[in-house]
């Protein structure tokens, strides 16, 4: 699973098992879609992750969702990892 399918899958992650599968898919996406990732080094990826975590309340507000960003769900964890692939730090 790569590309847009990965975004769709991230929104369905509701359990630890779903999250593990998502991380496996994300790793596959990294191998196949490196040109689509803006953050190819560990440092830039972690910077993107930190930046998204800082801004995620605004992200969910823009998506029309009300979430408690201080209580992370499996879905939110998946979306954070995915956002870090392209989010600028």
N, C-alpha and C. Protein backbone atom coordinates (compact mmCIF):
# COMPACT_ATOMS: atom_id res chain seq x y z
N UNK A 1 0.85 -1.17 0.00
CA UNK A 1 0.00 0.00 0.00
C UNK A 1 0.90 1.23 0.00
N UNK A 2 0.68 2.11 -0.94
CA UNK A 2 1.51 3.32 -1.06
C UNK A 2 0.65 4.50 -1.47
N UNK A 3 1.23 5.68 -1.36
CA UNK A 3 0.60 6.89 -1.84
C UNK A 3 -0.71 7.22 -1.15
N UNK A 4 -1.71 7.60 -1.97
CA UNK A 4 -3.00 8.03 -1.43
C UNK A 4 -3.70 6.94 -0.62
N UNK A 5 -3.50 5.69 -0.99
CA UNK A 5 -4.11 4.60 -0.22
C UNK A 5 -3.63 4.62 1.22
N UNK A 6 -2.41 5.03 1.43
CA UNK A 6 -1.85 5.09 2.77
C UNK A 6 -2.55 6.16 3.60
N UNK A 7 -2.87 7.28 2.98
CA UNK A 7 -3.62 8.34 3.68
C UNK A 7 -4.99 7.83 4.10
N UNK A 8 -5.65 7.12 3.19
CA UNK A 8 -6.97 6.56 3.51
C UNK A 8 -6.86 5.54 4.64
N UNK A 9 -5.84 4.70 4.59
CA UNK A 9 -5.68 3.67 5.61
C UNK A 9 -5.41 4.29 6.98
N UNK A 10 -4.60 5.34 7.02
CA UNK A 10 -4.27 5.99 8.29
C UNK A 10 -5.53 6.43 9.03
N UNK A 11 -6.53 6.86 8.29
CA UNK A 11 -7.77 7.33 8.91
C UNK A 11 -8.61 6.19 9.49
N UNK A 12 -8.25 4.95 9.18
CA UNK A 12 -9.01 3.81 9.69
C UNK A 12 -8.30 3.10 10.84
N UNK A 13 -7.12 3.58 11.22
CA UNK A 13 -6.34 2.92 12.27
C UNK A 13 -7.04 3.14 13.62
N UNK A 14 -7.45 2.03 14.24
CA UNK A 14 -8.17 2.11 15.51
C UNK A 14 -7.61 1.22 16.60
N UNK A 15 -6.61 0.42 16.28
CA UNK A 15 -6.09 -0.53 17.26
C UNK A 15 -4.57 -0.65 17.10
N UNK A 16 -3.97 -1.29 18.07
CA UNK A 16 -2.53 -1.55 18.01
C UNK A 16 -2.18 -2.35 16.78
N UNK A 17 -2.99 -3.35 16.47
CA UNK A 17 -2.75 -4.19 15.29
C UNK A 17 -2.84 -3.36 14.01
N UNK A 18 -3.85 -2.48 13.93
CA UNK A 18 -3.96 -1.58 12.77
C UNK A 18 -2.72 -0.70 12.65
N UNK A 19 -2.25 -0.20 13.79
CA UNK A 19 -1.09 0.69 13.79
C UNK A 19 0.16 -0.03 13.32
N UNK A 20 0.34 -1.26 13.79
CA UNK A 20 1.50 -2.05 13.35
C UNK A 20 1.46 -2.25 11.84
N UNK A 21 0.31 -2.59 11.32
CA UNK A 21 0.16 -2.78 9.88
C UNK A 21 0.43 -1.46 9.15
N UNK A 22 -0.08 -0.36 9.71
CA UNK A 22 0.16 0.94 9.10
C UNK A 22 1.67 1.23 9.01
N UNK A 23 2.40 0.97 10.09
CA UNK A 23 3.84 1.23 10.09
C UNK A 23 4.53 0.36 9.04
N UNK A 24 4.08 -0.87 8.88
CA UNK A 24 4.63 -1.73 7.82
C UNK A 24 4.35 -1.13 6.45
N UNK A 25 3.14 -0.63 6.24
CA UNK A 25 2.79 0.02 4.97
C UNK A 25 3.60 1.30 4.77
N UNK A 26 3.81 2.06 5.84
CA UNK A 26 4.59 3.29 5.74
C UNK A 26 6.03 2.98 5.33
N UNK A 27 6.58 1.93 5.88
CA UNK A 27 7.93 1.50 5.51
C UNK A 27 7.98 1.09 4.04
N UNK A 28 6.96 0.39 3.58
CA UNK A 28 6.86 0.01 2.17
C UNK A 28 6.78 1.26 1.29
N UNK A 29 5.98 2.22 1.72
CA UNK A 29 5.83 3.47 0.98
C UNK A 29 7.18 4.19 0.88
N UNK A 30 7.93 4.20 1.97
CA UNK A 30 9.25 4.84 1.97
C UNK A 30 10.14 4.20 0.91
N UNK A 31 10.11 2.90 0.81
CA UNK A 31 10.94 2.21 -0.17
C UNK A 31 10.52 2.46 -1.60
N UNK A 32 9.23 2.63 -1.83
CA UNK A 32 8.72 2.77 -3.19
C UNK A 32 8.49 4.21 -3.62
N UNK A 33 8.27 5.11 -2.68
CA UNK A 33 7.86 6.48 -3.01
C UNK A 33 8.81 7.53 -2.44
N UNK A 34 10.08 7.21 -2.33
CA UNK A 34 10.99 8.15 -1.69
C UNK A 34 10.93 9.54 -2.31
N UNK A 35 10.70 9.63 -3.60
CA UNK A 35 10.61 10.92 -4.25
C UNK A 35 9.43 11.74 -3.79
N UNK A 36 8.43 11.09 -3.20
CA UNK A 36 7.25 11.78 -2.71
C UNK A 36 7.44 12.27 -1.27
N UNK A 37 8.42 11.73 -0.60
CA UNK A 37 8.70 12.13 0.78
C UNK A 37 9.59 13.36 0.76
N UNK A 38 9.23 14.39 1.50
CA UNK A 38 10.10 15.56 1.61
C UNK A 38 11.18 15.34 2.66
N UNK A 39 10.88 14.55 3.67
CA UNK A 39 11.80 14.34 4.79
C UNK A 39 12.42 12.96 4.71
N UNK A 40 13.53 12.87 3.99
CA UNK A 40 14.16 11.57 3.72
C UNK A 40 15.20 11.17 4.77
N UNK A 41 15.71 12.13 5.52
CA UNK A 41 16.68 11.77 6.56
C UNK A 41 15.94 11.64 7.89
N UNK A 42 16.53 10.91 8.81
CA UNK A 42 15.90 10.76 10.12
C UNK A 42 15.72 12.11 10.80
N UNK A 43 16.72 12.96 10.68
CA UNK A 43 16.65 14.28 11.30
C UNK A 43 15.51 15.12 10.75
N UNK A 44 15.36 15.14 9.42
CA UNK A 44 14.27 15.94 8.83
C UNK A 44 12.91 15.31 9.12
N UNK A 45 12.86 13.98 9.16
CA UNK A 45 11.60 13.29 9.49
C UNK A 45 11.17 13.62 10.92
N UNK A 46 12.12 13.55 11.86
CA UNK A 46 11.79 13.86 13.25
C UNK A 46 11.43 15.34 13.41
N UNK A 47 12.08 16.20 12.64
CA UNK A 47 11.71 17.61 12.65
C UNK A 47 10.29 17.82 12.15
N UNK A 48 9.93 17.10 11.08
CA UNK A 48 8.56 17.17 10.57
C UNK A 48 7.56 16.64 11.57
N UNK A 49 7.93 15.57 12.26
CA UNK A 49 7.06 14.99 13.28
C UNK A 49 6.83 15.98 14.42
N UNK A 50 7.90 16.61 14.86
CA UNK A 50 7.78 17.60 15.93
C UNK A 50 6.93 18.79 15.49
N UNK A 51 7.15 19.26 14.27
CA UNK A 51 6.38 20.40 13.75
C UNK A 51 4.90 20.06 13.63
N UNK A 52 4.60 18.85 13.14
CA UNK A 52 3.19 18.46 13.02
C UNK A 52 2.56 18.32 14.40
N UNK A 53 3.28 17.72 15.35
CA UNK A 53 2.74 17.57 16.71
C UNK A 53 2.43 18.94 17.31
N UNK A 54 3.28 19.92 17.01
CA UNK A 54 3.06 21.28 17.50
C UNK A 54 1.81 21.89 16.88
N UNK A 55 1.59 21.64 15.59
CA UNK A 55 0.51 22.28 14.84
C UNK A 55 -0.75 21.42 14.69
N UNK A 56 -0.77 20.22 15.27
CA UNK A 56 -1.85 19.28 14.94
C UNK A 56 -3.23 19.75 15.37
N UNK A 57 -3.36 20.58 16.38
CA UNK A 57 -4.68 21.08 16.75
C UNK A 57 -5.28 21.85 15.57
N UNK A 58 -4.46 22.65 14.91
CA UNK A 58 -4.92 23.39 13.74
C UNK A 58 -5.27 22.48 12.58
N UNK A 59 -4.49 21.41 12.40
CA UNK A 59 -4.77 20.45 11.33
C UNK A 59 -6.16 19.85 11.52
N UNK A 60 -6.43 19.36 12.72
CA UNK A 60 -7.73 18.72 12.95
C UNK A 60 -8.87 19.74 12.88
N UNK A 61 -8.63 20.96 13.33
CA UNK A 61 -9.65 22.01 13.21
C UNK A 61 -9.96 22.28 11.74
N UNK A 62 -8.91 22.37 10.90
CA UNK A 62 -9.11 22.59 9.47
C UNK A 62 -9.83 21.43 8.80
N UNK A 63 -9.68 20.23 9.37
CA UNK A 63 -10.36 19.05 8.83
C UNK A 63 -11.80 18.95 9.36
N UNK A 64 -12.19 19.90 10.22
CA UNK A 64 -13.54 19.89 10.77
C UNK A 64 -13.74 18.87 11.87
N UNK A 65 -12.65 18.47 12.51
CA UNK A 65 -12.72 17.46 13.57
C UNK A 65 -12.38 18.09 14.91
N UNK A 66 -13.08 17.65 15.93
CA UNK A 66 -12.79 18.07 17.29
C UNK A 66 -12.12 16.91 17.99
N UNK A 67 -10.85 17.07 18.31
CA UNK A 67 -10.11 16.01 18.99
C UNK A 67 -9.34 16.62 20.15
N UNK A 68 -9.05 15.80 21.14
CA UNK A 68 -8.20 16.20 22.25
C UNK A 68 -6.77 15.82 21.87
N UNK A 69 -5.98 16.81 21.49
CA UNK A 69 -4.62 16.52 21.02
C UNK A 69 -3.69 16.11 22.16
N UNK A 70 -4.18 16.16 23.38
CA UNK A 70 -3.40 15.70 24.53
C UNK A 70 -3.66 14.24 24.85
N UNK A 71 -4.61 13.65 24.17
CA UNK A 71 -4.91 12.23 24.33
C UNK A 71 -4.81 11.58 22.96
N UNK A 72 -3.67 11.00 22.68
CA UNK A 72 -3.37 10.47 21.35
C UNK A 72 -4.03 9.11 21.15
N UNK A 73 -4.70 8.96 20.02
CA UNK A 73 -5.28 7.68 19.63
C UNK A 73 -4.34 6.98 18.65
N UNK A 74 -4.60 5.71 18.39
CA UNK A 74 -3.80 4.98 17.39
C UNK A 74 -3.90 5.68 16.04
N UNK A 75 -5.08 6.15 15.70
CA UNK A 75 -5.26 6.85 14.42
C UNK A 75 -4.40 8.11 14.38
N UNK A 76 -4.43 8.89 15.45
CA UNK A 76 -3.64 10.11 15.49
C UNK A 76 -2.15 9.81 15.39
N UNK A 77 -1.71 8.74 16.03
CA UNK A 77 -0.30 8.35 15.95
C UNK A 77 0.07 8.03 14.50
N UNK A 78 -0.80 7.31 13.81
CA UNK A 78 -0.55 6.98 12.41
C UNK A 78 -0.51 8.24 11.56
N UNK A 79 -1.46 9.14 11.79
CA UNK A 79 -1.49 10.38 11.01
C UNK A 79 -0.27 11.25 11.29
N UNK A 80 0.23 11.21 12.52
CA UNK A 80 1.44 11.97 12.84
C UNK A 80 2.64 11.42 12.08
N UNK A 81 2.78 10.09 12.07
CA UNK A 81 3.90 9.48 11.35
C UNK A 81 3.82 9.78 9.85
N UNK A 82 2.61 9.73 9.31
CA UNK A 82 2.44 10.00 7.89
C UNK A 82 2.70 11.47 7.57
N UNK A 83 2.19 12.36 8.39
CA UNK A 83 2.41 13.79 8.16
C UNK A 83 3.89 14.14 8.19
N UNK A 84 4.64 13.45 9.03
CA UNK A 84 6.07 13.73 9.16
C UNK A 84 6.84 13.46 7.88
N UNK A 85 6.26 12.71 6.96
CA UNK A 85 6.96 12.43 5.70
C UNK A 85 7.06 13.68 4.83
N UNK A 86 6.14 14.63 5.02
CA UNK A 86 6.11 15.81 4.16
C UNK A 86 6.06 17.13 4.92
N UNK A 87 5.78 17.09 6.20
CA UNK A 87 5.57 18.32 6.98
C UNK A 87 6.90 19.02 7.23
N UNK A 88 6.94 20.31 6.97
CA UNK A 88 8.17 21.07 7.16
C UNK A 88 8.42 21.41 8.62
N UNK A 89 9.68 21.40 8.98
CA UNK A 89 10.01 21.75 10.37
C UNK A 89 10.46 23.18 10.47
